[in-house]
Amino acid sequence: MSADEIRAEINTLIASKFAEGTVDQYFLQLYVMWRYRKIRKGLVVEVIERYLHDADKILTEIAVLLNQPQLDYDKVEGIAEKLEGCSSSSVGAKRVNLSCVEYLHPEAKTKEGDQPVLDFDRVDALVQQLKGCSSSVGANKVSVSCMHFRRFNHAKTKEGYLMALAPVMNEFYDVRNMFLTILQLEEQIDALSPKY
């Protein structure tokens, strides 16, 4: 396959995902700047990889919190905010904005020796961070899913959170697969390019 054919494949993929609403104008702008060498390629790859790492870490943390036998609603809310904050507009996936935010948290306990409690504030903060990260990279559907997820914080039900988490994860995996495909195709183009 020639470099032009690979570029056409990338353009078709991006156009399709944009039409579906998976990515937005932030991602398109980032990709255009990368494609036409207006910004360093390594920077774009780093932002995308950072987004993927941070978002995956946040989703894992939320899943762990939601699997606690008892829920601490305040902690879940905090994680949802963290997730929304991760919405990195810089990549057009709307979720890596707060990718550098370090969030240390102690495990929530009801009393000495009791089982861990699901902390709804923490989950909400994580969702907020993920939404922010996703916005930063133009991951529109992930951001929208995060907004829907956060609505369940007001009801403070574990079942609601678990139902709302599935679409967030599905949208993230869709964006992740698209980003990884683009990175692989760009590597193929680089391999075909003349070396000076």
C-alpha atoms as a PDB file:
ATOM      1  CA  MET A   1       0.000   0.000   0.000  1.00  0.00           C
ATOM      2  CA  SER A   2       1.341   3.443  -0.878  1.00  0.00           C
ATOM      3  CA  ALA A   3       1.603   6.377   1.512  1.00  0.00           C
ATOM      4  CA  ASP A   4      -1.219   8.133  -0.362  1.00  0.00           C
ATOM      5  CA  GLU A   5      -3.483   5.089   0.009  1.00  0.00           C
ATOM      6  CA  ILE A   6      -2.721   4.918   3.725  1.00  0.00           C
ATOM      7  CA  ARG A   7      -3.464   8.641   4.117  1.00  0.00           C
ATOM      8  CA  ALA A   8      -6.768   8.099   2.306  1.00  0.00           C
ATOM      9  CA  GLU A   9      -7.573   5.284   4.747  1.00  0.00           C
ATOM     10  CA  ILE A  10      -6.787   7.554   7.714  1.00  0.00           C
ATOM     11  CA  ASN A  11      -8.904  10.357   6.256  1.00  0.00           C
ATOM     12  CA  THR A  12     -11.832   7.973   5.721  1.00  0.00           C
ATOM     13  CA  LEU A  13     -11.544   6.696   9.302  1.00  0.00           C
ATOM     14  CA  ILE A  14     -11.420  10.212  10.747  1.00  0.00           C
ATOM     15  CA  ALA A  15     -14.322  11.416   8.572  1.00  0.00           C
ATOM     16  CA  SER A  16     -16.389   8.423   9.658  1.00  0.00           C
ATOM     17  CA  LYS A  17     -15.665   8.952  13.362  1.00  0.00           C
ATOM     18  CA  PHE A  18     -16.337  12.681  13.042  1.00  0.00           C
ATOM     19  CA  ALA A  19     -19.689  11.983  11.341  1.00  0.00           C
ATOM     20  CA  GLU A  20     -20.590   9.555  14.167  1.00  0.00           C
ATOM     21  CA  GLY A  21     -19.685  12.199  16.740  1.00  0.00           C
ATOM     22  CA  THR A  22     -16.916  10.043  18.202  1.00  0.00           C
ATOM     23  CA  VAL A  23     -14.391  12.846  17.723  1.00  0.00           C
ATOM     24  CA  ASP A  24     -14.914  16.563  17.298  1.00  0.00           C
ATOM     25  CA  GLN A  25     -13.203  19.605  15.815  1.00  0.00           C
ATOM     26  CA  TYR A  26     -10.467  19.537  18.483  1.00  0.00           C
ATOM     27  CA  PHE A  27      -9.197  16.232  17.179  1.00  0.00           C
ATOM     28  CA  LEU A  28      -9.522  17.389  13.567  1.00  0.00           C
ATOM     29  CA  GLN A  29      -7.466  20.506  14.313  1.00  0.00           C
ATOM     30  CA  LEU A  30      -4.834  18.497  16.145  1.00  0.00           C
ATOM     31  CA  TYR A  31      -4.569  15.976  13.339  1.00  0.00           C
ATOM     32  CA  VAL A  32      -4.359  18.643  10.627  1.00  0.00           C
ATOM     33  CA  MET A  33      -1.567  20.428  12.518  1.00  0.00           C
ATOM     34  CA  TRP A  34       0.249  17.103  12.902  1.00  0.00           C
ATOM     35  CA  ARG A  35      -0.304  16.022   9.305  1.00  0.00           C
ATOM     36  CA  TYR A  36       1.030  19.286   7.886  1.00  0.00           C
ATOM     37  CA  ARG A  37       3.908  19.394  10.386  1.00  0.00           C
ATOM     38  CA  LYS A  38       2.743  22.560  12.118  1.00  0.00           C
ATOM     39  CA  ILE A  39       3.457  20.850  15.420  1.00  0.00           C
ATOM     40  CA  ARG A  40       5.988  18.188  16.264  1.00  0.00           C
ATOM     41  CA  LYS A  41       4.687  14.678  15.600  1.00  0.00           C
ATOM     42  CA  GLY A  42       6.171  13.347  18.819  1.00  0.00           C
ATOM     43  CA  LEU A  43       4.128  15.843  20.813  1.00  0.00           C
ATOM     44  CA  VAL A  44       0.862  14.659  19.273  1.00  0.00           C
ATOM     45  CA  VAL A  45       1.756  11.018  19.834  1.00  0.00           C
ATOM     46  CA  GLU A  46       2.684  11.827  23.434  1.00  0.00           C
ATOM     47  CA  VAL A  47      -0.619  13.637  24.049  1.00  0.00           C
ATOM     48  CA  ILE A  48      -2.632  10.772  22.566  1.00  0.00           C
ATOM     49  CA  GLU A  49      -0.707   8.134  24.499  1.00  0.00           C
ATOM     50  CA  ARG A  50      -1.007  10.157  27.710  1.00  0.00           C
ATOM     51  CA  TYR A  51      -4.751  10.476  27.193  1.00  0.00           C
ATOM     52  CA  LEU A  52      -5.122   6.739  26.590  1.00  0.00           C
ATOM     53  CA  HIS A  53      -3.058   5.905  29.679  1.00  0.00           C
ATOM     54  CA  ASP A  54      -4.804   8.405  31.967  1.00  0.00           C
ATOM     55  CA  ALA A  55      -8.318   7.566  30.791  1.00  0.00           C
ATOM     56  CA  ASP A  56      -7.691   3.837  31.169  1.00  0.00           C
ATOM     57  CA  LYS A  57      -6.296   4.401  34.672  1.00  0.00           C
ATOM     58  CA  ILE A  58      -9.328   6.499  35.655  1.00  0.00           C
ATOM     59  CA  LEU A  59     -11.802   3.940  34.306  1.00  0.00           C
ATOM     60  CA  THR A  60      -9.996   1.190  36.209  1.00  0.00           C
ATOM     61  CA  GLU A  61     -10.134   3.241  39.415  1.00  0.00           C
ATOM     62  CA  ILE A  62     -13.854   3.867  38.959  1.00  0.00           C
ATOM     63  CA  ALA A  63     -14.498   0.162  38.359  1.00  0.00           C
ATOM     64  CA  VAL A  64     -12.585  -0.713  41.544  1.00  0.00           C
ATOM     65  CA  LEU A  65     -14.560   1.840  43.556  1.00  0.00           C
ATOM     66  CA  LEU A  66     -17.869   0.637  42.152  1.00  0.00           C
ATOM     67  CA  ASN A  67     -17.028  -2.909  43.186  1.00  0.00           C
ATOM     68  CA  GLN A  68     -16.848  -1.963  46.879  1.00  0.00           C
ATOM     69  CA  PRO A  69     -19.500  -3.730  48.978  1.00  0.00           C
ATOM     70  CA  GLN A  70     -20.733  -0.380  50.321  1.00  0.00           C
ATOM     71  CA  LEU A  71     -20.803   2.904  48.443  1.00  0.00           C
ATOM     72  CA  ASP A  72     -19.434   6.236  49.659  1.00  0.00           C
ATOM     73  CA  TYR A  73     -21.409   8.588  47.424  1.00  0.00           C
ATOM     74  CA  ASP A  74     -19.182  11.576  48.122  1.00  0.00           C
ATOM     75  CA  LYS A  75     -16.057   9.721  46.976  1.00  0.00           C
ATOM     76  CA  VAL A  76     -17.736   8.576  43.743  1.00  0.00           C
ATOM     77  CA  GLU A  77     -18.603  12.186  42.929  1.00  0.00           C
ATOM     78  CA  GLY A  78     -14.974  13.218  43.392  1.00  0.00           C
ATOM     79  CA  ILE A  79     -13.753  10.538  40.993  1.00  0.00           C
ATOM     80  CA  ALA A  80     -16.318  11.601  38.437  1.00  0.00           C
ATOM     81  CA  GLU A  81     -14.883  15.119  38.567  1.00  0.00           C
ATOM     82  CA  LYS A  82     -11.397  13.710  38.059  1.00  0.00           C
ATOM     83  CA  LEU A  83     -12.613  11.737  35.059  1.00  0.00           C
ATOM     84  CA  GLU A  84     -14.207  14.816  33.538  1.00  0.00           C
ATOM     85  CA  GLY A  85     -11.056  16.823  34.172  1.00  0.00           C
ATOM     86  CA  CYS A  86      -9.005  14.318  32.191  1.00  0.00           C
ATOM     87  CA  SER A  87     -10.824  15.594  29.102  1.00  0.00           C
ATOM     88  CA  SER A  88      -7.830  16.667  27.085  1.00  0.00           C
ATOM     89  CA  SER A  89      -9.104  19.062  24.454  1.00  0.00           C
ATOM     90  CA  SER A  90      -5.622  19.212  23.038  1.00  0.00           C
ATOM     91  CA  VAL A  91      -6.091  15.879  21.310  1.00  0.00           C
ATOM     92  CA  GLY A  92      -9.654  16.364  20.157  1.00  0.00           C
ATOM     93  CA  ALA A  93     -10.919  13.413  22.157  1.00  0.00           C
ATOM     94  CA  LYS A  94     -12.156  15.704  24.910  1.00  0.00           C
ATOM     95  CA  ARG A  95     -10.486  13.873  27.772  1.00  0.00           C
ATOM     96  CA  VAL A  96      -6.854  14.645  28.269  1.00  0.00           C
ATOM     97  CA  ASN A  97      -7.228  18.197  29.535  1.00  0.00           C
ATOM     98  CA  LEU A  98      -6.331  17.300  33.084  1.00  0.00           C
ATOM     99  CA  SER A  99      -4.092  14.369  32.192  1.00  0.00           C
ATOM    100  CA  CYS A 100      -1.318  15.652  34.458  1.00  0.00           C
ATOM    101  CA  VAL A 101      -3.510  15.935  37.532  1.00  0.00           C
ATOM    102  CA  GLU A 102      -2.218  13.755  40.314  1.00  0.00           C
ATOM    103  CA  TYR A 103      -4.946  12.544  42.575  1.00  0.00           C
ATOM    104  CA  LEU A 104      -3.958  10.725  45.716  1.00  0.00           C
ATOM    105  CA  HIS A 105      -6.723   9.328  47.864  1.00  0.00           C
ATOM    106  CA  PRO A 106      -6.945   7.160  50.938  1.00  0.00           C
ATOM    107  CA  GLU A 107      -9.313   4.221  50.918  1.00  0.00           C
ATOM    108  CA  ALA A 108     -12.644   5.169  52.423  1.00  0.00           C
ATOM    109  CA  LYS A 109     -13.652   3.101  55.454  1.00  0.00           C
ATOM    110  CA  THR A 110     -16.803   3.333  57.484  1.00  0.00           C
ATOM    111  CA  LYS A 111     -15.189   2.440  60.804  1.00  0.00           C
ATOM    112  CA  GLU A 112     -12.111   0.592  61.916  1.00  0.00           C
ATOM    113  CA  GLY A 113     -12.370  -2.950  60.544  1.00  0.00           C
ATOM    114  CA  ASP A 114     -15.459  -2.302  58.406  1.00  0.00           C
ATOM    115  CA  GLN A 115     -15.569  -3.143  54.713  1.00  0.00           C
ATOM    116  CA  PRO A 116     -14.481  -0.443  52.257  1.00  0.00           C
ATOM    117  CA  VAL A 117     -17.194   2.013  51.285  1.00  0.00           C
ATOM    118  CA  LEU A 118     -17.866   3.185  47.741  1.00  0.00           C
ATOM    119  CA  ASP A 119     -16.881   6.840  47.711  1.00  0.00           C
ATOM    120  CA  PHE A 120     -19.278   8.581  45.301  1.00  0.00           C
ATOM    121  CA  ASP A 121     -17.404  11.885  45.492  1.00  0.00           C
ATOM    122  CA  ARG A 122     -14.228  10.190  44.343  1.00  0.00           C
ATOM    123  CA  VAL A 123     -15.996   8.463  41.440  1.00  0.00           C
ATOM    124  CA  ASP A 124     -17.572  11.754  40.421  1.00  0.00           C
ATOM    125  CA  ALA A 125     -14.186  13.504  40.489  1.00  0.00           C
ATOM    126  CA  LEU A 126     -12.692  10.784  38.294  1.00  0.00           C
ATOM    127  CA  VAL A 127     -15.548  11.018  35.808  1.00  0.00           C
ATOM    128  CA  GLN A 128     -15.086  14.800  35.731  1.00  0.00           C
ATOM    129  CA  GLN A 129     -11.375  14.332  34.986  1.00  0.00           C
ATOM    130  CA  LEU A 130     -12.066  11.783  32.238  1.00  0.00           C
ATOM    131  CA  LYS A 131     -14.566  14.140  30.650  1.00  0.00           C
ATOM    132  CA  GLY A 132     -11.973  16.902  30.637  1.00  0.00           C
ATOM    133  CA  CYS A 133      -9.280  14.644  29.176  1.00  0.00           C
ATOM    134  CA  SER A 134     -11.626  13.442  26.480  1.00  0.00           C
ATOM    135  CA  SER A 135     -12.619  16.963  25.513  1.00  0.00           C
ATOM    136  CA  SER A 136      -8.972  17.860  25.132  1.00  0.00           C
ATOM    137  CA  VAL A 137      -8.403  15.192  22.528  1.00  0.00           C
ATOM    138  CA  GLY A 138     -11.746  15.658  20.823  1.00  0.00           C
ATOM    139  CA  ALA A 139     -13.276  12.406  22.103  1.00  0.00           C
ATOM    140  CA  ASN A 140     -16.763  13.838  21.945  1.00  0.00           C
ATOM    141  CA  LYS A 141     -18.795  10.714  22.694  1.00  0.00           C
ATOM    142  CA  VAL A 142     -16.670   9.878  25.727  1.00  0.00           C
ATOM    143  CA  SER A 143     -17.284  13.384  27.086  1.00  0.00           C
ATOM    144  CA  VAL A 144     -21.027  13.109  26.507  1.00  0.00           C
ATOM    145  CA  SER A 145     -21.082   9.676  28.182  1.00  0.00           C
ATOM    146  CA  CYS A 146     -19.286  11.187  31.177  1.00  0.00           C
ATOM    147  CA  MET A 147     -21.949  13.882  31.478  1.00  0.00           C
ATOM    148  CA  HIS A 148     -24.649  11.192  31.481  1.00  0.00           C
ATOM    149  CA  PHE A 149     -22.658   9.179  34.011  1.00  0.00           C
ATOM    150  CA  ARG A 150     -22.433  12.129  36.388  1.00  0.00           C
ATOM    151  CA  ARG A 151     -26.234  12.438  36.465  1.00  0.00           C
ATOM    152  CA  PHE A 152     -26.351   9.163  38.387  1.00  0.00           C
ATOM    153  CA  ASN A 153     -24.367  10.740  41.208  1.00  0.00           C
ATOM    154  CA  HIS A 154     -27.428  12.658  42.297  1.00  0.00           C
ATOM    155  CA  ALA A 155     -29.410   9.436  42.696  1.00  0.00           C
ATOM    156  CA  LYS A 156     -26.437   7.830  44.477  1.00  0.00           C
ATOM    157  CA  THR A 157     -27.216   4.256  43.503  1.00  0.00           C
ATOM    158  CA  LYS A 158     -24.568   1.686  42.754  1.00  0.00           C
ATOM    159  CA  GLU A 159     -26.763   0.080  40.103  1.00  0.00           C
ATOM    160  CA  GLY A 160     -27.180   3.409  38.324  1.00  0.00           C
ATOM    161  CA  TYR A 161     -23.436   3.975  38.311  1.00  0.00           C
ATOM    162  CA  LEU A 162     -22.741   0.502  36.969  1.00  0.00           C
ATOM    163  CA  MET A 163     -25.275   0.994  34.160  1.00  0.00           C
ATOM    164  CA  ALA A 164     -23.848   4.419  33.322  1.00  0.00           C
ATOM    165  CA  LEU A 165     -20.239   3.190  33.310  1.00  0.00           C
ATOM    166  CA  ALA A 166     -20.765   0.748  30.420  1.00  0.00           C
ATOM    167  CA  PRO A 167     -21.377   3.422  27.733  1.00  0.00           C
ATOM    168  CA  VAL A 168     -18.419   5.480  28.983  1.00  0.00           C
ATOM    169  CA  MET A 169     -16.148   2.465  28.655  1.00  0.00           C
ATOM    170  CA  ASN A 170     -17.560   1.534  25.234  1.00  0.00           C
ATOM    171  CA  GLU A 171     -16.987   5.045  23.892  1.00  0.00           C
ATOM    172  CA  PHE A 172     -13.478   5.137  25.341  1.00  0.00           C
ATOM    173  CA  TYR A 173     -12.564   1.804  23.732  1.00  0.00           C
ATOM    174  CA  ASP A 174     -13.934   3.040  20.393  1.00  0.00           C
ATOM    175  CA  VAL A 175     -11.806   6.205  20.584  1.00  0.00           C
ATOM    176  CA  ARG A 176      -8.798   4.222  21.780  1.00  0.00           C
ATOM    177  CA  ASN A 177      -9.059   1.818  18.848  1.00  0.00           C
ATOM    178  CA  MET A 178      -9.321   4.720  16.414  1.00  0.00           C
ATOM    179  CA  PHE A 179      -6.298   6.498  17.905  1.00  0.00           C
ATOM    180  CA  LEU A 180      -4.198   3.324  17.897  1.00  0.00           C
ATOM    181  CA  THR A 181      -5.167   2.590  14.288  1.00  0.00           C
ATOM    182  CA  ILE A 182      -4.169   6.099  13.218  1.00  0.00           C
ATOM    183  CA  LEU A 183      -0.841   5.828  15.046  1.00  0.00           C
ATOM    184  CA  GLN A 184      -0.112   2.476  13.374  1.00  0.00           C
ATOM    185  CA  LEU A 185      -1.023   3.799   9.928  1.00  0.00           C
ATOM    186  CA  GLU A 186       1.137   6.878  10.469  1.00  0.00           C
ATOM    187  CA  GLU A 187       4.050   4.582  11.334  1.00  0.00           C
ATOM    188  CA  GLN A 188       3.498   2.783   8.021  1.00  0.00           C
ATOM    189  CA  ILE A 189       3.579   6.119   6.188  1.00  0.00           C
ATOM    190  CA  ASP A 190       6.811   7.052   7.965  1.00  0.00           C
ATOM    191  CA  ALA A 191       8.352   3.713   6.973  1.00  0.00           C
ATOM    192  CA  LEU A 192       7.494   4.410   3.317  1.00  0.00           C
ATOM    193  CA  SER A 193       8.844   7.968   3.394  1.00  0.00           C
ATOM    194  CA  PRO A 194      12.319   8.659   2.006  1.00  0.00           C
ATOM    195  CA  LYS A 195      15.034   9.050   4.622  1.00  0.00           C
ATOM    196  CA  TYR A 196      17.299  12.073   4.205  1.00  0.00           C
END
